[in-house]
N, C-alpha and C. Protein backbone atom coordinates (compact mmCIF):
# COMPACT_ATOMS: atom_id res chain seq x y z
N MET A 1 0.84 -1.18 0.00
CA MET A 1 0.00 0.00 0.00
C MET A 1 0.89 1.25 0.00
N VAL A 2 0.37 2.30 -0.57
CA VAL A 2 1.09 3.55 -0.71
C VAL A 2 0.71 4.51 0.40
N LYS A 3 1.70 5.22 0.92
CA LYS A 3 1.43 6.22 1.96
C LYS A 3 0.57 7.34 1.39
N PRO A 4 -0.26 7.96 2.23
CA PRO A 4 -1.02 9.12 1.76
C PRO A 4 -0.07 10.22 1.27
N ASP A 5 -0.55 11.05 0.37
CA ASP A 5 0.22 12.18 -0.19
C ASP A 5 1.44 11.73 -0.98
N THR A 6 1.35 10.53 -1.57
CA THR A 6 2.41 10.03 -2.43
C THR A 6 1.99 10.23 -3.88
N CYS A 7 2.92 10.67 -4.69
CA CYS A 7 2.67 10.81 -6.12
C CYS A 7 2.83 9.44 -6.75
N TYR A 8 1.75 8.91 -7.25
CA TYR A 8 1.85 7.66 -8.02
C TYR A 8 0.85 7.72 -9.15
N GLY A 9 1.34 7.46 -10.31
CA GLY A 9 0.51 7.42 -11.50
C GLY A 9 0.62 6.04 -12.08
N SER A 10 1.64 5.84 -12.90
CA SER A 10 1.80 4.56 -13.58
C SER A 10 2.53 3.51 -12.73
N SER A 11 2.90 3.86 -11.50
CA SER A 11 3.50 2.86 -10.61
C SER A 11 2.48 1.76 -10.36
N ASP A 12 2.94 0.53 -10.37
CA ASP A 12 2.04 -0.61 -10.25
C ASP A 12 1.83 -0.97 -8.78
N VAL A 13 1.11 -0.12 -8.08
CA VAL A 13 0.84 -0.36 -6.66
C VAL A 13 -0.35 -1.30 -6.53
N ASN A 14 -0.38 -2.00 -5.45
CA ASN A 14 -1.40 -3.02 -5.22
C ASN A 14 -2.59 -2.45 -4.45
N VAL A 15 -3.71 -3.12 -4.57
CA VAL A 15 -4.88 -2.86 -3.74
C VAL A 15 -5.12 -4.16 -2.97
N SER A 16 -5.55 -4.06 -1.74
CA SER A 16 -5.73 -5.27 -0.95
C SER A 16 -6.89 -6.10 -1.50
N ALA A 17 -6.77 -7.41 -1.34
CA ALA A 17 -7.82 -8.32 -1.80
C ALA A 17 -9.14 -8.02 -1.10
N VAL A 18 -9.08 -7.62 0.17
CA VAL A 18 -10.28 -7.30 0.93
C VAL A 18 -10.97 -6.08 0.33
N GLN A 19 -10.19 -5.04 0.04
CA GLN A 19 -10.77 -3.84 -0.55
C GLN A 19 -11.32 -4.13 -1.94
N CYS A 20 -10.61 -4.90 -2.72
CA CYS A 20 -11.04 -5.27 -4.06
C CYS A 20 -12.38 -6.00 -4.00
N GLU A 21 -12.50 -6.97 -3.12
CA GLU A 21 -13.76 -7.72 -2.99
C GLU A 21 -14.89 -6.84 -2.48
N ARG A 22 -14.60 -5.95 -1.52
CA ARG A 22 -15.63 -5.05 -0.99
C ARG A 22 -16.17 -4.14 -2.09
N VAL A 23 -15.27 -3.55 -2.85
CA VAL A 23 -15.68 -2.65 -3.93
C VAL A 23 -16.36 -3.44 -5.05
N GLY A 24 -15.79 -4.57 -5.40
CA GLY A 24 -16.40 -5.41 -6.45
C GLY A 24 -17.81 -5.83 -6.10
N THR A 25 -18.02 -6.24 -4.86
CA THR A 25 -19.35 -6.64 -4.43
C THR A 25 -20.34 -5.48 -4.56
N ALA A 26 -19.90 -4.29 -4.18
CA ALA A 26 -20.77 -3.11 -4.30
C ALA A 26 -21.09 -2.80 -5.76
N LEU A 27 -20.16 -3.08 -6.66
CA LEU A 27 -20.36 -2.78 -8.08
C LEU A 27 -21.25 -3.80 -8.80
N LEU A 28 -21.32 -5.01 -8.30
CA LEU A 28 -22.03 -6.08 -9.01
C LEU A 28 -23.45 -5.69 -9.43
N SER A 29 -24.17 -5.01 -8.57
CA SER A 29 -25.56 -4.69 -8.88
C SER A 29 -25.69 -3.47 -9.79
N THR A 30 -24.61 -2.73 -10.01
CA THR A 30 -24.71 -1.51 -10.81
C THR A 30 -24.15 -1.66 -12.23
N LEU A 31 -23.38 -2.71 -12.48
CA LEU A 31 -22.73 -2.86 -13.77
C LEU A 31 -23.45 -3.87 -14.66
N PRO A 32 -23.48 -3.61 -15.97
CA PRO A 32 -24.02 -4.62 -16.88
C PRO A 32 -23.07 -5.82 -16.90
N GLN A 33 -23.64 -7.02 -17.00
CA GLN A 33 -22.81 -8.21 -16.86
C GLN A 33 -22.39 -8.86 -18.17
N ASP A 34 -23.15 -8.73 -19.21
CA ASP A 34 -22.82 -9.42 -20.45
C ASP A 34 -22.21 -8.44 -21.45
N VAL A 35 -21.11 -7.80 -21.04
CA VAL A 35 -20.46 -6.80 -21.87
C VAL A 35 -18.94 -6.98 -21.81
N ALA A 36 -18.27 -6.33 -22.71
CA ALA A 36 -16.81 -6.35 -22.69
C ALA A 36 -16.30 -5.61 -21.46
N ILE A 37 -15.23 -6.12 -20.89
CA ILE A 37 -14.58 -5.47 -19.75
C ILE A 37 -13.19 -5.04 -20.21
N PHE A 38 -12.93 -3.74 -20.14
CA PHE A 38 -11.62 -3.19 -20.47
C PHE A 38 -10.99 -2.71 -19.17
N SER A 39 -9.68 -2.86 -19.05
CA SER A 39 -9.01 -2.46 -17.82
C SER A 39 -7.60 -1.98 -18.08
N SER A 40 -7.18 -1.05 -17.24
CA SER A 40 -5.77 -0.71 -17.17
C SER A 40 -5.04 -1.98 -16.72
N PRO A 41 -3.82 -2.20 -17.21
CA PRO A 41 -3.07 -3.38 -16.76
C PRO A 41 -2.46 -3.22 -15.37
N LEU A 42 -2.51 -2.02 -14.80
CA LEU A 42 -1.94 -1.81 -13.47
C LEU A 42 -2.78 -2.56 -12.44
N ARG A 43 -2.11 -3.19 -11.48
CA ARG A 43 -2.77 -4.11 -10.54
C ARG A 43 -3.98 -3.52 -9.83
N ARG A 44 -3.94 -2.23 -9.47
CA ARG A 44 -5.05 -1.66 -8.72
C ARG A 44 -6.33 -1.63 -9.53
N CYS A 45 -6.24 -1.72 -10.83
CA CYS A 45 -7.42 -1.85 -11.69
C CYS A 45 -7.58 -3.29 -12.16
N ALA A 46 -6.48 -3.91 -12.56
CA ALA A 46 -6.53 -5.26 -13.11
C ALA A 46 -7.10 -6.28 -12.13
N GLU A 47 -6.77 -6.14 -10.86
CA GLU A 47 -7.30 -7.08 -9.86
C GLU A 47 -8.82 -6.95 -9.73
N LEU A 48 -9.31 -5.71 -9.74
CA LEU A 48 -10.76 -5.50 -9.68
C LEU A 48 -11.42 -6.05 -10.94
N ALA A 49 -10.83 -5.79 -12.09
CA ALA A 49 -11.39 -6.30 -13.36
C ALA A 49 -11.43 -7.82 -13.36
N LYS A 50 -10.34 -8.44 -12.88
CA LYS A 50 -10.28 -9.90 -12.83
C LYS A 50 -11.36 -10.45 -11.87
N TRP A 51 -11.54 -9.79 -10.74
CA TRP A 51 -12.55 -10.21 -9.77
C TRP A 51 -13.95 -10.11 -10.39
N LEU A 52 -14.22 -8.98 -11.05
CA LEU A 52 -15.54 -8.81 -11.69
C LEU A 52 -15.75 -9.83 -12.80
N SER A 53 -14.71 -10.08 -13.56
CA SER A 53 -14.80 -11.07 -14.63
C SER A 53 -15.20 -12.44 -14.09
N ALA A 54 -14.59 -12.83 -13.00
CA ALA A 54 -14.92 -14.12 -12.38
C ALA A 54 -16.37 -14.13 -11.90
N GLU A 55 -16.82 -13.04 -11.29
CA GLU A 55 -18.20 -12.95 -10.79
C GLU A 55 -19.21 -12.93 -11.93
N PHE A 56 -18.82 -12.38 -13.07
CA PHE A 56 -19.71 -12.31 -14.24
C PHE A 56 -19.64 -13.58 -15.08
N GLY A 57 -18.99 -14.61 -14.58
CA GLY A 57 -18.92 -15.86 -15.32
C GLY A 57 -17.76 -15.92 -16.29
N GLN A 58 -16.61 -15.43 -15.86
CA GLN A 58 -15.37 -15.47 -16.64
C GLN A 58 -15.43 -14.68 -17.94
N ARG A 59 -16.14 -13.57 -17.92
CA ARG A 59 -16.10 -12.65 -19.07
C ARG A 59 -14.65 -12.22 -19.24
N PRO A 60 -14.04 -12.37 -20.41
CA PRO A 60 -12.62 -12.02 -20.55
C PRO A 60 -12.38 -10.51 -20.37
N VAL A 61 -11.26 -10.21 -19.78
CA VAL A 61 -10.86 -8.82 -19.58
C VAL A 61 -9.86 -8.44 -20.68
N VAL A 62 -10.07 -7.29 -21.28
CA VAL A 62 -9.14 -6.76 -22.27
C VAL A 62 -8.29 -5.71 -21.55
N TYR A 63 -7.02 -6.03 -21.33
CA TYR A 63 -6.10 -5.10 -20.67
C TYR A 63 -5.51 -4.18 -21.73
N ASP A 64 -5.58 -2.89 -21.48
CA ASP A 64 -5.16 -1.92 -22.48
C ASP A 64 -4.25 -0.88 -21.82
N ASP A 65 -3.01 -0.79 -22.27
CA ASP A 65 -2.04 0.15 -21.71
C ASP A 65 -2.51 1.59 -21.80
N ARG A 66 -3.36 1.90 -22.76
CA ARG A 66 -3.83 3.28 -22.93
C ARG A 66 -4.71 3.73 -21.77
N LEU A 67 -5.17 2.79 -20.95
CA LEU A 67 -6.02 3.12 -19.80
C LEU A 67 -5.21 3.34 -18.52
N ALA A 68 -3.90 3.20 -18.60
CA ALA A 68 -3.05 3.41 -17.41
C ALA A 68 -3.10 4.87 -16.97
N GLU A 69 -2.78 5.09 -15.73
CA GLU A 69 -2.71 6.46 -15.21
C GLU A 69 -1.47 7.14 -15.80
N MET A 70 -1.42 8.45 -15.70
CA MET A 70 -0.31 9.22 -16.24
C MET A 70 1.01 8.81 -15.57
N HIS A 71 2.06 8.82 -16.37
CA HIS A 71 3.40 8.47 -15.86
C HIS A 71 4.11 9.74 -15.39
N PHE A 72 4.47 9.78 -14.11
CA PHE A 72 5.08 10.95 -13.50
C PHE A 72 6.61 10.87 -13.42
N GLY A 73 7.22 9.98 -14.18
CA GLY A 73 8.68 9.92 -14.23
C GLY A 73 9.32 9.77 -12.86
N ARG A 74 10.33 10.60 -12.59
CA ARG A 74 11.06 10.48 -11.31
C ARG A 74 10.23 10.96 -10.11
N TRP A 75 9.06 11.51 -10.36
CA TRP A 75 8.17 11.87 -9.24
C TRP A 75 7.46 10.64 -8.68
N GLU A 76 7.38 9.58 -9.44
CA GLU A 76 6.65 8.38 -9.03
C GLU A 76 7.13 7.89 -7.65
N LEU A 77 6.16 7.64 -6.80
CA LEU A 77 6.34 7.09 -5.45
C LEU A 77 7.10 8.02 -4.50
N ARG A 78 7.17 9.29 -4.85
CA ARG A 78 7.76 10.28 -3.94
C ARG A 78 6.64 11.02 -3.23
N GLN A 79 6.90 11.44 -2.03
CA GLN A 79 5.94 12.28 -1.31
C GLN A 79 5.83 13.60 -2.08
N TRP A 80 4.62 14.12 -2.21
CA TRP A 80 4.43 15.39 -2.91
C TRP A 80 5.29 16.49 -2.28
N SER A 81 5.44 16.44 -0.97
CA SER A 81 6.23 17.47 -0.28
C SER A 81 7.72 17.37 -0.59
N ASP A 82 8.18 16.22 -1.12
CA ASP A 82 9.59 16.04 -1.47
C ASP A 82 9.91 16.44 -2.91
N ILE A 83 8.89 16.72 -3.68
CA ILE A 83 9.10 17.13 -5.08
C ILE A 83 9.41 18.63 -5.07
N PRO A 84 10.50 19.04 -5.71
CA PRO A 84 10.86 20.46 -5.68
C PRO A 84 9.70 21.36 -6.12
N ARG A 85 9.43 22.35 -5.32
CA ARG A 85 8.33 23.28 -5.57
C ARG A 85 8.42 23.92 -6.95
N ALA A 86 9.63 24.23 -7.40
CA ALA A 86 9.83 24.85 -8.71
C ALA A 86 9.33 23.93 -9.84
N GLU A 87 9.51 22.62 -9.67
CA GLU A 87 9.03 21.67 -10.68
C GLU A 87 7.51 21.62 -10.70
N VAL A 88 6.89 21.62 -9.53
CA VAL A 88 5.43 21.61 -9.46
C VAL A 88 4.87 22.89 -10.07
N GLU A 89 5.52 24.02 -9.78
CA GLU A 89 5.07 25.31 -10.35
C GLU A 89 5.26 25.34 -11.86
N ALA A 90 6.33 24.74 -12.36
CA ALA A 90 6.54 24.69 -13.81
C ALA A 90 5.42 23.88 -14.47
N TRP A 91 5.01 22.80 -13.83
CA TRP A 91 3.91 21.98 -14.35
C TRP A 91 2.61 22.79 -14.33
N ALA A 92 2.37 23.52 -13.26
CA ALA A 92 1.15 24.33 -13.15
C ALA A 92 1.10 25.40 -14.26
N LYS A 93 2.25 25.94 -14.63
CA LYS A 93 2.30 26.97 -15.68
C LYS A 93 2.03 26.39 -17.06
N GLU A 94 2.50 25.19 -17.29
CA GLU A 94 2.36 24.53 -18.60
C GLU A 94 1.71 23.16 -18.43
N VAL A 95 0.53 23.14 -17.83
CA VAL A 95 -0.11 21.89 -17.44
C VAL A 95 -0.34 20.93 -18.61
N VAL A 96 -0.50 21.44 -19.80
CA VAL A 96 -0.78 20.57 -20.94
C VAL A 96 0.48 19.90 -21.48
N THR A 97 1.57 20.63 -21.58
CA THR A 97 2.76 20.10 -22.27
C THR A 97 3.92 19.73 -21.35
N TYR A 98 3.92 20.19 -20.11
CA TYR A 98 5.02 19.88 -19.19
C TYR A 98 5.02 18.39 -18.86
N ARG A 99 6.20 17.81 -18.77
CA ARG A 99 6.33 16.39 -18.45
C ARG A 99 6.81 16.26 -17.00
N PRO A 100 5.89 16.12 -16.05
CA PRO A 100 6.28 16.04 -14.64
C PRO A 100 7.28 14.91 -14.39
N GLY A 101 8.36 15.27 -13.76
CA GLY A 101 9.39 14.28 -13.44
C GLY A 101 10.03 13.66 -14.66
N GLY A 102 9.87 14.31 -15.83
CA GLY A 102 10.39 13.75 -17.07
C GLY A 102 9.53 12.63 -17.62
N GLY A 103 8.36 12.46 -17.05
CA GLY A 103 7.45 11.39 -17.49
C GLY A 103 6.61 11.82 -18.68
N GLU A 104 5.32 11.69 -18.52
CA GLU A 104 4.36 11.91 -19.60
C GLU A 104 3.64 13.23 -19.40
N SER A 105 3.41 13.96 -20.47
CA SER A 105 2.63 15.19 -20.37
C SER A 105 1.14 14.84 -20.38
N VAL A 106 0.32 15.78 -19.93
CA VAL A 106 -1.13 15.58 -19.98
C VAL A 106 -1.57 15.44 -21.44
N LEU A 107 -0.93 16.16 -22.33
CA LEU A 107 -1.25 16.05 -23.76
C LEU A 107 -0.95 14.65 -24.29
N GLN A 108 0.18 14.08 -23.89
CA GLN A 108 0.50 12.71 -24.33
C GLN A 108 -0.53 11.73 -23.80
N MET A 109 -0.93 11.91 -22.56
CA MET A 109 -1.96 11.04 -22.00
C MET A 109 -3.27 11.21 -22.75
N ALA A 110 -3.62 12.46 -23.06
CA ALA A 110 -4.86 12.74 -23.80
C ALA A 110 -4.86 12.02 -25.15
N MET A 111 -3.73 12.00 -25.81
CA MET A 111 -3.64 11.34 -27.12
C MET A 111 -3.94 9.85 -27.01
N ARG A 112 -3.36 9.18 -26.02
CA ARG A 112 -3.58 7.73 -25.92
C ARG A 112 -5.00 7.41 -25.44
N VAL A 113 -5.52 8.21 -24.50
CA VAL A 113 -6.88 7.95 -24.01
C VAL A 113 -7.90 8.24 -25.10
N ARG A 114 -7.69 9.32 -25.87
CA ARG A 114 -8.61 9.61 -26.97
C ARG A 114 -8.60 8.46 -27.99
N GLN A 115 -7.42 7.91 -28.26
CA GLN A 115 -7.34 6.79 -29.21
C GLN A 115 -8.18 5.61 -28.71
N PHE A 116 -8.07 5.29 -27.42
CA PHE A 116 -8.90 4.22 -26.84
C PHE A 116 -10.38 4.57 -26.99
N HIS A 117 -10.74 5.79 -26.63
CA HIS A 117 -12.13 6.24 -26.68
C HIS A 117 -12.69 6.12 -28.10
N GLU A 118 -11.92 6.56 -29.08
CA GLU A 118 -12.36 6.47 -30.49
C GLU A 118 -12.58 5.03 -30.91
N GLU A 119 -11.66 4.14 -30.53
CA GLU A 119 -11.83 2.72 -30.86
C GLU A 119 -13.07 2.14 -30.19
N LEU A 120 -13.32 2.53 -28.95
CA LEU A 120 -14.50 2.05 -28.25
C LEU A 120 -15.77 2.55 -28.95
N LEU A 121 -15.77 3.81 -29.36
CA LEU A 121 -16.93 4.36 -30.09
C LEU A 121 -17.19 3.59 -31.39
N HIS A 122 -16.13 3.24 -32.08
CA HIS A 122 -16.28 2.56 -33.37
C HIS A 122 -16.47 1.05 -33.24
N SER A 123 -16.45 0.54 -32.04
CA SER A 123 -16.62 -0.91 -31.84
C SER A 123 -18.10 -1.31 -31.90
N HIS A 124 -18.98 -0.34 -31.90
CA HIS A 124 -20.43 -0.58 -32.00
C HIS A 124 -20.98 -1.43 -30.86
N GLN A 125 -20.37 -1.30 -29.70
CA GLN A 125 -20.88 -1.99 -28.52
C GLN A 125 -21.92 -1.09 -27.86
N ASP A 126 -22.98 -1.69 -27.38
CA ASP A 126 -24.00 -0.90 -26.68
C ASP A 126 -23.51 -0.47 -25.30
N ASN A 127 -22.76 -1.34 -24.65
CA ASN A 127 -22.24 -1.08 -23.31
C ASN A 127 -20.88 -1.72 -23.14
N ALA A 128 -20.12 -1.19 -22.22
CA ALA A 128 -18.83 -1.77 -21.86
C ALA A 128 -18.52 -1.34 -20.43
N VAL A 129 -17.71 -2.11 -19.77
CA VAL A 129 -17.20 -1.75 -18.44
C VAL A 129 -15.73 -1.40 -18.63
N VAL A 130 -15.34 -0.22 -18.15
CA VAL A 130 -13.95 0.22 -18.25
C VAL A 130 -13.45 0.47 -16.83
N ILE A 131 -12.44 -0.27 -16.44
CA ILE A 131 -11.84 -0.14 -15.11
C ILE A 131 -10.52 0.61 -15.30
N CYS A 132 -10.47 1.84 -14.79
CA CYS A 132 -9.26 2.64 -14.97
C CYS A 132 -9.08 3.61 -13.80
N HIS A 133 -8.22 4.57 -13.96
CA HIS A 133 -7.77 5.45 -12.89
C HIS A 133 -8.45 6.81 -12.95
N ALA A 134 -8.34 7.57 -11.87
CA ALA A 134 -8.99 8.88 -11.78
C ALA A 134 -8.59 9.80 -12.92
N GLY A 135 -7.30 9.89 -13.22
CA GLY A 135 -6.85 10.75 -14.31
C GLY A 135 -7.38 10.28 -15.66
N THR A 136 -7.42 8.98 -15.85
CA THR A 136 -7.94 8.42 -17.10
C THR A 136 -9.43 8.66 -17.21
N ILE A 137 -10.14 8.54 -16.10
CA ILE A 137 -11.58 8.82 -16.10
C ILE A 137 -11.84 10.27 -16.45
N ARG A 138 -11.09 11.19 -15.85
CA ARG A 138 -11.26 12.60 -16.19
C ARG A 138 -10.98 12.84 -17.67
N MET A 139 -10.01 12.13 -18.21
CA MET A 139 -9.68 12.26 -19.63
C MET A 139 -10.81 11.70 -20.50
N LEU A 140 -11.39 10.57 -20.11
CA LEU A 140 -12.52 10.01 -20.86
C LEU A 140 -13.72 10.95 -20.82
N LEU A 141 -13.95 11.57 -19.67
CA LEU A 141 -15.04 12.56 -19.58
C LEU A 141 -14.76 13.75 -20.51
N ALA A 142 -13.50 14.14 -20.60
CA ALA A 142 -13.13 15.24 -21.51
C ALA A 142 -13.32 14.83 -22.97
N CYS A 143 -13.09 13.56 -23.30
CA CYS A 143 -13.31 13.07 -24.66
C CYS A 143 -14.75 13.30 -25.09
N GLN A 144 -15.67 13.09 -24.18
CA GLN A 144 -17.09 13.24 -24.50
C GLN A 144 -17.46 14.66 -24.89
N ARG A 145 -16.68 15.62 -24.48
CA ARG A 145 -16.99 17.02 -24.75
C ARG A 145 -16.65 17.42 -26.19
N GLY A 146 -15.93 16.55 -26.92
CA GLY A 146 -15.60 16.83 -28.30
C GLY A 146 -14.62 17.97 -28.51
N LEU A 147 -13.80 18.23 -27.52
CA LEU A 147 -12.83 19.33 -27.59
C LEU A 147 -11.62 18.94 -28.43
N PRO A 148 -10.94 19.93 -29.02
CA PRO A 148 -9.64 19.63 -29.64
C PRO A 148 -8.69 19.06 -28.58
N LEU A 149 -7.71 18.31 -29.01
CA LEU A 149 -6.85 17.55 -28.09
C LEU A 149 -6.24 18.39 -26.97
N ALA A 150 -5.65 19.53 -27.27
CA ALA A 150 -5.01 20.36 -26.24
C ALA A 150 -6.05 20.89 -25.25
N GLU A 151 -7.22 21.27 -25.74
CA GLU A 151 -8.27 21.75 -24.83
C GLU A 151 -8.83 20.62 -23.98
N MET A 152 -8.91 19.44 -24.58
CA MET A 152 -9.34 18.26 -23.84
C MET A 152 -8.36 17.98 -22.69
N ALA A 153 -7.06 18.05 -22.98
CA ALA A 153 -6.03 17.82 -21.96
C ALA A 153 -6.14 18.87 -20.86
N ARG A 154 -6.31 20.13 -21.25
CA ARG A 154 -6.42 21.22 -20.27
C ARG A 154 -7.67 21.02 -19.39
N TYR A 155 -8.79 20.69 -20.02
CA TYR A 155 -10.03 20.46 -19.27
C TYR A 155 -9.84 19.33 -18.25
N ALA A 156 -9.30 18.21 -18.69
CA ALA A 156 -9.10 17.06 -17.79
C ALA A 156 -8.16 17.41 -16.65
N ALA A 157 -7.11 18.20 -16.93
CA ALA A 157 -6.14 18.57 -15.90
C ALA A 157 -6.73 19.53 -14.88
N GLN A 158 -7.71 20.31 -15.29
CA GLN A 158 -8.27 21.33 -14.40
C GLN A 158 -9.50 20.87 -13.63
N VAL A 159 -10.09 19.75 -14.05
CA VAL A 159 -11.26 19.23 -13.35
C VAL A 159 -10.82 18.74 -11.98
N ARG A 160 -11.47 19.20 -10.96
CA ARG A 160 -11.09 18.83 -9.59
C ARG A 160 -12.02 17.76 -9.02
N HIS A 161 -12.41 16.81 -9.87
CA HIS A 161 -13.27 15.72 -9.43
C HIS A 161 -12.40 14.61 -8.87
N LYS A 162 -12.52 14.39 -7.58
CA LYS A 162 -11.78 13.28 -6.96
C LYS A 162 -12.59 12.01 -7.19
N VAL A 163 -11.98 11.01 -7.75
CA VAL A 163 -12.65 9.76 -8.08
C VAL A 163 -12.22 8.71 -7.08
N ALA A 164 -13.18 8.13 -6.39
CA ALA A 164 -12.89 7.11 -5.38
C ALA A 164 -12.67 5.74 -6.04
N PHE A 165 -11.88 4.90 -5.40
CA PHE A 165 -11.67 3.54 -5.89
C PHE A 165 -13.02 2.83 -5.95
N GLY A 166 -13.39 2.35 -7.12
CA GLY A 166 -14.65 1.63 -7.29
C GLY A 166 -15.83 2.52 -7.61
N GLU A 167 -15.61 3.82 -7.74
CA GLU A 167 -16.73 4.71 -8.07
C GLU A 167 -17.21 4.42 -9.50
N THR A 168 -18.51 4.46 -9.70
CA THR A 168 -19.09 4.24 -11.01
C THR A 168 -19.37 5.58 -11.66
N ILE A 169 -18.85 5.76 -12.87
CA ILE A 169 -19.11 6.96 -13.66
C ILE A 169 -19.59 6.48 -15.02
N LEU A 170 -20.74 6.96 -15.43
CA LEU A 170 -21.31 6.55 -16.71
C LEU A 170 -20.85 7.48 -17.82
N LEU A 171 -20.40 6.89 -18.90
CA LEU A 171 -20.02 7.63 -20.09
C LEU A 171 -20.95 7.22 -21.22
N ASP A 172 -21.34 8.16 -22.04
CA ASP A 172 -22.18 7.87 -23.18
C ASP A 172 -21.30 7.53 -24.36
N ILE A 173 -21.30 6.24 -24.76
CA ILE A 173 -20.52 5.84 -25.92
C ILE A 173 -21.43 5.53 -27.08
């Protein structure tokens, strides 16, 4: 488990089996069962997707790297208070194109998430379950707005919606 106030995006941190089962059980009655399940390959999503798949009768999970959380480079697994303030301020000034910790920019993340979103739209599925991260969810919500890529990235970066583990958010595909 990760300490509170730790910067972690693409780090493959674990979620406890107890928490996964608790959240999965709560989701069972709210999710469609006979649909494709897409998931970030990172364990904190993949374990929940695998658990749901088993409960839904072994519906296969499609793991997609484009659903991973943003990569924060050398900031990964550091306490936010240990990251130089000047670097955080530089990111705040150029939130769309700055690469925090030398990792991935919000624009780069927007490009990969939009690509996933477009493929999902063109798959002609009526419903799907997507298990992913808070940043990815905000990006998917921004995709729905039909904004140009840079504006989509800016919108997703500025949305202050905290997404809880296991929270259900409906997207119109």
